[in-house]
N, C-alpha and C. Protein backbone atom coordinates (compact mmCIF):
# COMPACT_ATOMS: atom_id res chain seq x y z
N MET A 1 8.46 164.89 258.10
CA MET A 1 7.20 164.22 257.90
C MET A 1 6.91 164.01 256.41
N LYS A 2 7.27 165.05 255.58
CA LYS A 2 7.06 164.92 254.15
C LYS A 2 7.85 163.75 253.57
N LYS A 3 9.09 163.60 254.05
CA LYS A 3 9.93 162.50 253.56
C LYS A 3 9.31 161.15 253.88
N LEU A 4 8.75 161.03 255.07
CA LEU A 4 8.11 159.79 255.48
C LEU A 4 6.93 159.47 254.57
N PHE A 5 6.07 160.47 254.30
CA PHE A 5 4.93 160.25 253.41
C PHE A 5 5.38 159.89 252.00
N ARG A 6 6.42 160.59 251.53
CA ARG A 6 6.93 160.32 250.19
C ARG A 6 7.46 158.89 250.09
N LYS A 7 8.22 158.47 251.10
CA LYS A 7 8.78 157.11 251.11
C LYS A 7 7.67 156.07 251.22
N CYS A 8 6.69 156.31 252.08
CA CYS A 8 5.57 155.38 252.22
C CYS A 8 4.77 155.30 250.93
N GLY A 9 4.59 156.45 250.27
CA GLY A 9 3.86 156.47 249.00
C GLY A 9 4.55 155.63 247.94
N LYS A 10 5.87 155.75 247.84
CA LYS A 10 6.63 154.96 246.87
C LYS A 10 6.53 153.47 247.18
N THR A 11 6.58 153.13 248.46
CA THR A 11 6.48 151.72 248.87
C THR A 11 5.11 151.16 248.52
N VAL A 12 4.07 151.93 248.77
CA VAL A 12 2.71 151.48 248.45
C VAL A 12 2.54 151.29 246.95
N ILE A 13 3.07 152.21 246.16
CA ILE A 13 2.98 152.10 244.70
C ILE A 13 3.72 150.86 244.22
N LEU A 14 4.93 150.64 244.73
CA LEU A 14 5.70 149.46 244.35
C LEU A 14 4.96 148.19 244.73
N LEU A 15 4.39 148.16 245.92
CA LEU A 15 3.62 147.00 246.36
C LEU A 15 2.43 146.75 245.44
N PHE A 16 1.73 147.81 245.06
CA PHE A 16 0.59 147.68 244.14
C PHE A 16 1.04 147.11 242.79
N VAL A 17 2.16 147.62 242.26
CA VAL A 17 2.66 147.15 240.96
C VAL A 17 3.03 145.67 241.04
N VAL A 18 3.68 145.25 242.13
CA VAL A 18 4.05 143.84 242.29
C VAL A 18 2.81 142.97 242.40
N ILE A 19 1.83 143.39 243.19
CA ILE A 19 0.60 142.61 243.34
C ILE A 19 -0.12 142.49 241.99
N LYS A 20 -0.17 143.58 241.24
CA LYS A 20 -0.80 143.54 239.92
C LYS A 20 -0.04 142.59 238.99
N ALA A 21 1.30 142.60 239.05
CA ALA A 21 2.11 141.70 238.22
C ALA A 21 1.83 140.24 238.57
N VAL A 22 1.75 139.93 239.86
CA VAL A 22 1.45 138.56 240.28
C VAL A 22 0.06 138.16 239.79
N PHE A 23 -0.89 139.06 239.90
CA PHE A 23 -2.25 138.77 239.42
C PHE A 23 -2.26 138.50 237.91
N ILE A 24 -1.60 139.35 237.15
CA ILE A 24 -1.53 139.17 235.69
C ILE A 24 -0.89 137.83 235.35
N TYR A 25 0.20 137.50 236.04
CA TYR A 25 0.90 136.23 235.78
C TYR A 25 -0.01 135.04 236.08
N ARG A 26 -0.69 135.08 237.22
CA ARG A 26 -1.54 133.94 237.62
C ARG A 26 -2.75 133.78 236.71
N VAL A 27 -3.35 134.88 236.31
CA VAL A 27 -4.57 134.82 235.52
C VAL A 27 -4.29 134.67 234.03
N CYS A 28 -3.33 135.42 233.51
CA CYS A 28 -3.13 135.49 232.06
C CYS A 28 -1.88 134.79 231.56
N GLY A 29 -0.87 134.62 232.42
CA GLY A 29 0.35 133.93 231.99
C GLY A 29 1.52 134.86 231.74
N ILE A 30 2.64 134.24 231.40
CA ILE A 30 3.92 134.94 231.27
C ILE A 30 3.93 135.93 230.11
N ASP A 31 3.24 135.63 229.02
CA ASP A 31 3.24 136.55 227.87
C ASP A 31 2.59 137.89 228.22
N TYR A 32 1.48 137.84 228.94
CA TYR A 32 0.83 139.08 229.35
C TYR A 32 1.67 139.82 230.38
N LEU A 33 2.35 139.09 231.25
CA LEU A 33 3.24 139.72 232.21
C LEU A 33 4.37 140.45 231.49
N SER A 34 4.94 139.82 230.46
CA SER A 34 6.01 140.46 229.69
C SER A 34 5.52 141.75 229.05
N ASN A 35 4.30 141.74 228.54
CA ASN A 35 3.72 142.95 227.96
C ASN A 35 3.54 144.03 229.03
N TYR A 36 3.11 143.63 230.21
CA TYR A 36 2.93 144.57 231.32
C TYR A 36 4.27 145.19 231.72
N ILE A 37 5.31 144.37 231.81
CA ILE A 37 6.64 144.86 232.20
C ILE A 37 7.15 145.90 231.21
N SER A 38 6.86 145.70 229.92
CA SER A 38 7.37 146.63 228.91
C SER A 38 6.81 148.04 229.08
N ARG A 39 5.75 148.19 229.87
CA ARG A 39 5.14 149.51 230.06
C ARG A 39 5.39 150.09 231.45
N LEU A 40 6.16 149.41 232.27
CA LEU A 40 6.40 149.88 233.63
C LEU A 40 7.54 150.90 233.68
N PRO A 41 7.52 151.79 234.68
CA PRO A 41 8.65 152.69 234.86
C PRO A 41 9.88 151.91 235.32
N LYS A 42 11.06 152.43 234.96
CA LYS A 42 12.28 151.67 235.21
C LYS A 42 12.54 151.41 236.70
N GLN A 43 11.96 152.20 237.58
CA GLN A 43 12.19 152.01 239.01
C GLN A 43 11.65 150.68 239.52
N VAL A 44 10.68 150.09 238.82
CA VAL A 44 10.08 148.85 239.31
C VAL A 44 10.40 147.63 238.45
N VAL A 45 10.93 147.84 237.25
CA VAL A 45 11.19 146.72 236.34
C VAL A 45 12.12 145.68 236.97
N ARG A 46 13.21 146.14 237.56
CA ARG A 46 14.19 145.23 238.18
C ARG A 46 13.52 144.34 239.22
N ASN A 47 12.72 144.94 240.10
CA ASN A 47 12.07 144.17 241.17
C ASN A 47 11.11 143.13 240.62
N ILE A 48 10.35 143.49 239.59
CA ILE A 48 9.41 142.53 238.99
C ILE A 48 10.16 141.38 238.34
N LEU A 49 11.22 141.69 237.60
CA LEU A 49 12.00 140.62 236.95
C LEU A 49 12.57 139.65 237.98
N ILE A 50 13.11 140.18 239.06
CA ILE A 50 13.67 139.33 240.12
C ILE A 50 12.56 138.49 240.75
N ARG A 51 11.41 139.10 240.99
CA ARG A 51 10.28 138.38 241.59
C ARG A 51 9.87 137.17 240.75
N PHE A 52 10.05 137.26 239.44
CA PHE A 52 9.66 136.17 238.55
C PHE A 52 10.86 135.37 238.02
N GLY A 53 11.96 135.34 238.78
CA GLY A 53 13.02 134.38 238.52
C GLY A 53 14.29 134.88 237.88
N ALA A 54 14.32 136.10 237.38
CA ALA A 54 15.56 136.62 236.78
C ALA A 54 16.60 136.84 237.88
N LYS A 55 17.86 136.69 237.52
CA LYS A 55 18.95 136.99 238.44
C LYS A 55 19.58 138.30 237.97
N ILE A 56 19.45 139.34 238.78
CA ILE A 56 19.94 140.66 238.41
C ILE A 56 20.80 141.18 239.55
N GLY A 57 22.02 141.59 239.21
CA GLY A 57 23.00 142.03 240.19
C GLY A 57 22.72 143.41 240.77
N GLU A 58 23.56 143.78 241.71
CA GLU A 58 23.45 145.06 242.39
C GLU A 58 23.81 146.21 241.45
N LYS A 59 23.19 147.34 241.67
CA LYS A 59 23.45 148.58 240.94
C LYS A 59 23.31 148.43 239.43
N THR A 60 22.45 147.54 239.00
CA THR A 60 22.16 147.38 237.57
C THR A 60 21.00 148.28 237.20
N ASN A 61 21.16 149.02 236.11
CA ASN A 61 20.16 149.98 235.65
C ASN A 61 19.46 149.41 234.43
N ILE A 62 18.16 149.15 234.54
CA ILE A 62 17.37 148.62 233.43
C ILE A 62 16.39 149.70 233.00
N SER A 63 16.50 150.15 231.75
CA SER A 63 15.63 151.21 231.24
C SER A 63 14.22 150.69 230.97
N THR A 64 13.37 151.60 230.60
CA THR A 64 11.97 151.26 230.34
C THR A 64 11.81 150.52 229.02
N ALA A 65 10.68 149.90 228.88
CA ALA A 65 10.23 149.27 227.63
C ALA A 65 11.13 148.13 227.16
N ILE A 66 11.70 147.35 228.10
CA ILE A 66 12.39 146.15 227.64
C ILE A 66 11.34 145.15 227.17
N ILE A 67 11.72 144.33 226.22
CA ILE A 67 10.77 143.39 225.61
C ILE A 67 11.28 141.98 225.86
N ILE A 68 10.43 141.13 226.43
CA ILE A 68 10.79 139.74 226.71
C ILE A 68 9.82 138.84 225.97
N ASP A 69 10.38 137.87 225.25
CA ASP A 69 9.56 136.95 224.47
C ASP A 69 10.04 135.52 224.70
N ASN A 70 9.15 134.58 224.46
CA ASN A 70 9.48 133.15 224.51
C ASN A 70 10.06 132.70 225.84
N ALA A 71 9.47 133.13 226.92
CA ALA A 71 9.91 132.67 228.24
C ALA A 71 9.39 131.24 228.43
N VAL A 72 10.07 130.28 227.82
CA VAL A 72 9.57 128.90 227.77
C VAL A 72 9.53 128.24 229.14
N THR A 73 10.30 128.75 230.10
CA THR A 73 10.28 128.17 231.44
C THR A 73 9.10 128.70 232.25
N LYS A 74 8.29 129.54 231.64
CA LYS A 74 7.13 130.18 232.27
C LYS A 74 7.53 131.15 233.38
N ASP A 75 8.78 131.57 233.37
CA ASP A 75 9.27 132.62 234.25
C ASP A 75 10.49 133.23 233.57
N TYR A 76 11.28 133.99 234.32
CA TYR A 76 12.43 134.67 233.71
C TYR A 76 13.77 134.11 234.20
N THR A 77 13.81 132.83 234.54
CA THR A 77 15.06 132.23 235.04
C THR A 77 16.15 132.20 233.98
N HIS A 78 15.82 132.32 232.71
CA HIS A 78 16.84 132.34 231.66
C HIS A 78 17.49 133.72 231.49
N LEU A 79 17.08 134.69 232.28
CA LEU A 79 17.66 136.04 232.20
C LEU A 79 18.59 136.25 233.39
N ILE A 80 19.89 136.41 233.09
CA ILE A 80 20.89 136.58 234.14
C ILE A 80 21.72 137.82 233.80
N ILE A 81 21.67 138.82 234.67
CA ILE A 81 22.38 140.08 234.45
C ILE A 81 23.22 140.36 235.68
N GLY A 82 24.50 140.65 235.47
CA GLY A 82 25.45 140.84 236.57
C GLY A 82 25.33 142.19 237.26
N ASP A 83 26.34 142.50 238.08
CA ASP A 83 26.40 143.75 238.83
C ASP A 83 26.81 144.91 237.93
N ARG A 84 26.30 146.10 238.25
CA ARG A 84 26.68 147.35 237.61
C ARG A 84 26.54 147.33 236.08
N CYS A 85 25.49 146.70 235.60
CA CYS A 85 25.21 146.66 234.16
C CYS A 85 24.24 147.77 233.79
N TYR A 86 24.19 148.08 232.51
CA TYR A 86 23.21 149.02 231.99
C TYR A 86 22.48 148.34 230.83
N ILE A 87 21.15 148.32 230.89
CA ILE A 87 20.32 147.77 229.83
C ILE A 87 19.49 148.93 229.28
N GLY A 88 19.70 149.27 228.01
CA GLY A 88 19.06 150.43 227.39
C GLY A 88 17.59 150.21 227.06
N LYS A 89 16.98 151.23 226.50
CA LYS A 89 15.56 151.18 226.14
C LYS A 89 15.31 150.21 224.99
N ASN A 90 14.16 149.56 225.05
CA ASN A 90 13.67 148.68 223.98
C ASN A 90 14.61 147.53 223.64
N VAL A 91 15.34 147.02 224.61
CA VAL A 91 16.17 145.83 224.38
C VAL A 91 15.24 144.62 224.33
N PHE A 92 15.46 143.73 223.35
CA PHE A 92 14.62 142.56 223.14
C PHE A 92 15.36 141.31 223.62
N PHE A 93 14.76 140.58 224.55
CA PHE A 93 15.31 139.33 225.07
C PHE A 93 14.43 138.17 224.64
N ASP A 94 14.99 137.26 223.82
CA ASP A 94 14.33 136.00 223.46
C ASP A 94 14.86 134.97 224.45
N LEU A 95 14.00 134.44 225.32
CA LEU A 95 14.47 133.59 226.42
C LEU A 95 14.19 132.11 226.23
N VAL A 96 14.26 131.61 224.99
CA VAL A 96 14.17 130.16 224.78
C VAL A 96 15.36 129.49 225.47
N GLU A 97 16.53 130.09 225.38
CA GLU A 97 17.75 129.66 226.07
C GLU A 97 18.22 130.84 226.93
N PRO A 98 19.17 130.59 227.85
CA PRO A 98 19.63 131.68 228.72
C PRO A 98 20.34 132.81 227.97
N VAL A 99 20.13 134.03 228.47
CA VAL A 99 20.89 135.21 228.06
C VAL A 99 21.63 135.66 229.31
N ILE A 100 22.96 135.68 229.24
CA ILE A 100 23.79 136.02 230.40
C ILE A 100 24.60 137.26 230.06
N VAL A 101 24.41 138.32 230.84
CA VAL A 101 25.20 139.54 230.71
C VAL A 101 26.04 139.63 231.97
N GLU A 102 27.35 139.49 231.83
CA GLU A 102 28.22 139.51 233.00
C GLU A 102 28.41 140.94 233.52
N ASP A 103 29.06 141.07 234.68
CA ASP A 103 29.24 142.34 235.37
C ASP A 103 29.72 143.46 234.44
N GLU A 104 29.20 144.65 234.69
CA GLU A 104 29.58 145.89 234.01
C GLU A 104 29.34 145.88 232.51
N GLY A 105 28.42 145.04 232.05
CA GLY A 105 28.05 145.05 230.63
C GLY A 105 27.17 146.25 230.31
N VAL A 106 27.37 146.81 229.13
CA VAL A 106 26.56 147.93 228.66
C VAL A 106 25.83 147.48 227.40
N ILE A 107 24.52 147.44 227.47
CA ILE A 107 23.68 147.03 226.35
C ILE A 107 22.89 148.26 225.92
N SER A 108 23.23 148.81 224.77
CA SER A 108 22.60 150.05 224.30
C SER A 108 21.17 149.81 223.83
N ALA A 109 20.50 150.88 223.48
CA ALA A 109 19.09 150.83 223.08
C ALA A 109 18.86 149.94 221.86
N ARG A 110 17.74 149.24 221.88
CA ARG A 110 17.23 148.44 220.76
C ARG A 110 18.14 147.28 220.35
N VAL A 111 18.96 146.79 221.26
CA VAL A 111 19.74 145.58 220.98
C VAL A 111 18.79 144.38 221.03
N THR A 112 19.03 143.39 220.16
CA THR A 112 18.19 142.19 220.10
C THR A 112 19.01 140.96 220.42
N PHE A 113 18.55 140.17 221.39
CA PHE A 113 19.17 138.90 221.74
C PHE A 113 18.25 137.78 221.26
N LEU A 114 18.69 137.00 220.27
CA LEU A 114 17.88 135.90 219.75
C LEU A 114 18.53 134.58 220.15
N THR A 115 17.85 133.79 220.98
CA THR A 115 18.41 132.50 221.41
C THR A 115 17.86 131.34 220.61
N HIS A 116 17.00 131.64 219.65
CA HIS A 116 16.54 130.57 218.75
C HIS A 116 16.21 131.18 217.39
N SER A 117 16.27 130.34 216.38
CA SER A 117 15.98 130.78 215.02
C SER A 117 15.38 129.63 214.25
N ASP A 118 14.18 129.81 213.75
CA ASP A 118 13.55 128.81 212.89
C ASP A 118 12.33 129.43 212.21
N PRO A 119 11.87 128.84 211.10
CA PRO A 119 10.70 129.39 210.42
C PRO A 119 9.38 128.96 211.04
N GLY A 120 9.42 128.18 212.11
CA GLY A 120 8.20 127.68 212.73
C GLY A 120 7.62 126.53 211.94
N GLU A 121 6.36 126.29 212.11
CA GLU A 121 5.68 125.19 211.42
C GLU A 121 5.25 125.64 210.02
N ARG A 122 6.22 125.91 209.18
CA ARG A 122 5.98 126.39 207.82
C ARG A 122 6.68 125.47 206.82
N LEU A 123 6.44 125.69 205.56
CA LEU A 123 7.06 124.87 204.51
C LEU A 123 8.58 124.90 204.56
N LEU A 124 9.16 126.01 204.93
CA LEU A 124 10.61 126.15 204.94
C LEU A 124 11.31 125.34 206.02
N ARG A 125 10.57 124.78 206.96
CA ARG A 125 11.21 124.02 208.04
C ARG A 125 11.99 122.82 207.52
N LYS A 126 11.66 122.34 206.30
CA LYS A 126 12.42 121.24 205.70
C LYS A 126 13.83 121.68 205.34
N TYR A 127 14.01 122.95 205.08
CA TYR A 127 15.29 123.46 204.59
C TYR A 127 16.11 124.19 205.65
N PHE A 128 15.43 124.68 206.67
CA PHE A 128 16.11 125.42 207.72
C PHE A 128 15.83 124.77 209.06
N LYS A 129 16.84 124.17 209.63
CA LYS A 129 16.70 123.50 210.92
C LYS A 129 16.62 124.54 212.04
N ARG A 130 15.93 124.16 213.10
CA ARG A 130 15.84 125.01 214.29
C ARG A 130 17.23 125.13 214.91
N GLU A 131 17.60 126.34 215.24
CA GLU A 131 18.89 126.61 215.87
C GLU A 131 18.63 127.29 217.21
N THR A 132 19.21 126.75 218.28
CA THR A 132 19.08 127.37 219.59
C THR A 132 20.45 127.42 220.25
N GLY A 133 20.59 128.29 221.21
CA GLY A 133 21.84 128.37 221.96
C GLY A 133 21.82 129.55 222.90
N LYS A 134 22.47 129.37 224.05
CA LYS A 134 22.52 130.47 225.01
C LYS A 134 23.47 131.55 224.51
N ILE A 135 23.25 132.74 224.99
CA ILE A 135 24.09 133.89 224.65
C ILE A 135 24.80 134.33 225.92
N ARG A 136 26.11 134.54 225.80
CA ARG A 136 26.90 135.02 226.94
C ARG A 136 27.64 136.29 226.52
N ILE A 137 27.44 137.34 227.31
CA ILE A 137 28.10 138.62 227.08
C ILE A 137 29.12 138.80 228.20
N GLY A 138 30.40 138.90 227.84
CA GLY A 138 31.49 138.94 228.81
C GLY A 138 31.52 140.20 229.66
N LYS A 139 32.27 140.12 230.73
CA LYS A 139 32.42 141.21 231.69
C LYS A 139 32.95 142.47 230.98
N GLY A 140 32.29 143.60 231.25
CA GLY A 140 32.76 144.88 230.73
C GLY A 140 32.51 145.11 229.25
N THR A 141 31.72 144.28 228.61
CA THR A 141 31.46 144.42 227.17
C THR A 141 30.45 145.53 226.91
N TRP A 142 30.63 146.21 225.77
CA TRP A 142 29.73 147.28 225.36
C TRP A 142 29.14 146.90 224.00
N ILE A 143 27.81 146.83 223.93
CA ILE A 143 27.13 146.50 222.68
C ILE A 143 26.39 147.75 222.20
N GLY A 144 26.71 148.19 220.99
CA GLY A 144 26.13 149.41 220.42
C GLY A 144 24.66 149.26 220.05
N ALA A 145 24.01 150.38 219.84
CA ALA A 145 22.58 150.42 219.56
C ALA A 145 22.21 149.59 218.34
N CYS A 146 21.08 148.94 218.44
CA CYS A 146 20.45 148.18 217.34
C CYS A 146 21.26 146.96 216.89
N ALA A 147 22.22 146.51 217.65
CA ALA A 147 22.95 145.30 217.29
C ALA A 147 22.05 144.08 217.51
N THR A 148 22.32 143.01 216.76
CA THR A 148 21.58 141.76 216.91
C THR A 148 22.56 140.66 217.25
N ILE A 149 22.29 139.93 218.32
CA ILE A 149 23.14 138.83 218.77
C ILE A 149 22.37 137.55 218.50
N MET A 150 22.96 136.66 217.71
CA MET A 150 22.31 135.43 217.26
C MET A 150 22.52 134.28 218.25
N PRO A 151 21.78 133.17 218.09
CA PRO A 151 21.86 132.04 219.04
C PRO A 151 23.26 131.46 219.16
N GLY A 152 23.61 131.12 220.40
CA GLY A 152 24.86 130.41 220.67
C GLY A 152 26.11 131.26 220.69
N VAL A 153 25.98 132.57 220.63
CA VAL A 153 27.14 133.46 220.55
C VAL A 153 27.68 133.77 221.94
N THR A 154 29.01 133.78 222.04
CA THR A 154 29.70 134.25 223.24
C THR A 154 30.56 135.44 222.84
N ILE A 155 30.37 136.54 223.54
CA ILE A 155 31.18 137.74 223.30
C ILE A 155 32.12 137.87 224.48
N GLY A 156 33.41 137.93 224.21
CA GLY A 156 34.42 137.93 225.25
C GLY A 156 34.44 139.19 226.10
N GLU A 157 35.23 139.12 227.15
CA GLU A 157 35.37 140.20 228.11
C GLU A 157 35.88 141.47 227.43
N CYS A 158 35.31 142.60 227.83
CA CYS A 158 35.72 143.94 227.37
C CYS A 158 35.74 144.09 225.86
N ALA A 159 34.83 143.42 225.17
CA ALA A 159 34.70 143.59 223.72
C ALA A 159 33.75 144.75 223.45
N VAL A 160 33.85 145.31 222.25
CA VAL A 160 32.96 146.37 221.80
C VAL A 160 32.31 145.91 220.51
N ILE A 161 30.98 145.98 220.47
CA ILE A 161 30.21 145.62 219.27
C ILE A 161 29.60 146.90 218.73
N GLY A 162 29.87 147.20 217.47
CA GLY A 162 29.38 148.43 216.86
C GLY A 162 27.87 148.45 216.67
N ALA A 163 27.33 149.64 216.52
CA ALA A 163 25.90 149.81 216.29
C ALA A 163 25.48 149.10 215.01
N ASN A 164 24.31 148.51 215.04
CA ASN A 164 23.70 147.80 213.90
C ASN A 164 24.45 146.55 213.47
N ALA A 165 25.38 146.06 214.26
CA ALA A 165 26.13 144.85 213.90
C ALA A 165 25.24 143.61 214.04
N LEU A 166 25.53 142.60 213.23
CA LEU A 166 24.87 141.30 213.33
C LEU A 166 25.94 140.30 213.78
N VAL A 167 25.86 139.89 215.05
CA VAL A 167 26.88 139.00 215.61
C VAL A 167 26.37 137.57 215.51
N ASN A 168 26.95 136.80 214.59
CA ASN A 168 26.51 135.42 214.38
C ASN A 168 27.60 134.40 214.70
N LYS A 169 28.73 134.87 215.24
CA LYS A 169 29.79 133.97 215.70
C LYS A 169 30.47 134.61 216.90
N ASP A 170 31.22 133.81 217.63
CA ASP A 170 31.88 134.29 218.85
C ASP A 170 32.85 135.43 218.55
N ILE A 171 32.94 136.36 219.49
CA ILE A 171 33.87 137.49 219.39
C ILE A 171 34.87 137.35 220.53
N PRO A 172 36.18 137.38 220.22
CA PRO A 172 37.18 137.21 221.28
C PRO A 172 37.23 138.40 222.24
N PRO A 173 37.81 138.19 223.43
CA PRO A 173 37.94 139.29 224.39
C PRO A 173 38.78 140.44 223.83
N TYR A 174 38.53 141.63 224.34
CA TYR A 174 39.29 142.83 223.99
C TYR A 174 39.35 143.06 222.49
N SER A 175 38.19 142.92 221.83
CA SER A 175 38.10 143.13 220.38
C SER A 175 37.01 144.15 220.08
N VAL A 176 37.17 144.82 218.94
CA VAL A 176 36.12 145.69 218.42
C VAL A 176 35.59 145.01 217.17
N ALA A 177 34.28 144.76 217.13
CA ALA A 177 33.66 144.08 215.99
C ALA A 177 32.52 144.94 215.46
N VAL A 178 32.45 145.06 214.13
CA VAL A 178 31.41 145.86 213.48
C VAL A 178 30.93 145.16 212.22
N GLY A 179 29.78 145.59 211.72
CA GLY A 179 29.32 145.15 210.41
C GLY A 179 28.28 144.05 210.43
N VAL A 180 27.87 143.69 209.19
CA VAL A 180 26.88 142.63 208.98
C VAL A 180 27.46 141.67 207.96
N PRO A 181 27.87 140.48 208.35
CA PRO A 181 28.00 140.01 209.73
C PRO A 181 29.18 140.69 210.43
N ALA A 182 29.15 140.69 211.75
CA ALA A 182 30.20 141.36 212.52
C ALA A 182 31.54 140.69 212.30
N ARG A 183 32.56 141.52 212.14
CA ARG A 183 33.93 141.00 212.04
C ARG A 183 34.81 141.88 212.91
N VAL A 184 35.87 141.29 213.44
CA VAL A 184 36.79 142.01 214.31
C VAL A 184 37.63 142.94 213.44
N ILE A 185 37.65 144.23 213.79
CA ILE A 185 38.46 145.18 213.02
C ILE A 185 39.72 145.60 213.77
N ARG A 186 39.73 145.40 215.08
CA ARG A 186 40.96 145.68 215.83
C ARG A 186 40.86 145.10 217.23
N LYS A 187 41.99 145.05 217.89
CA LYS A 187 42.06 144.60 219.28
C LYS A 187 42.20 145.82 220.18
N ILE A 188 41.68 145.68 221.38
CA ILE A 188 41.85 146.72 222.41
C ILE A 188 43.02 146.28 223.27
N HIS A 189 43.97 147.16 223.46
CA HIS A 189 45.13 146.79 224.28
C HIS A 189 44.77 146.85 225.74
N GLU A 190 45.15 145.81 226.48
CA GLU A 190 44.82 145.72 227.91
C GLU A 190 45.62 146.71 228.72
């Protein structure tokens, strides 16, 4: 009987969280929903993201306090995460363009995905053109803590990106890349 009450209690809480998320989205918009998601426990984050358009595979673990910005489609359809992935705490997703993490990707804490770069409506816009591009993280890739992935980057299958790296160009499969800007320091033998 205790198990039944415990299971029913979890279902009711999840239902309440989803209803609150829908209400926030309808009344306040996607930006407020993103702020709400960043404060939810990890047990419900996956379900909320899927409810609002993200594609997230089976057995994917998404930690608390993920940050989503610039959901220009007014939902999370630009967020695609494969099966058996791990998304660490405080990962930042800029969703102007798609961010794709293929199966078994490991994204460590505080990684930043930037799909656009520009100074906005400022004086410098004459000198720095807006840059956008989708980001693709290959199957089995591991990205170290605090790395930054810039617009238009593709990281190949089973690559390793070191902590604090700035990835501003494509990284080939089975490579280890570190530094600012990231450069390949060795290959991983298959």
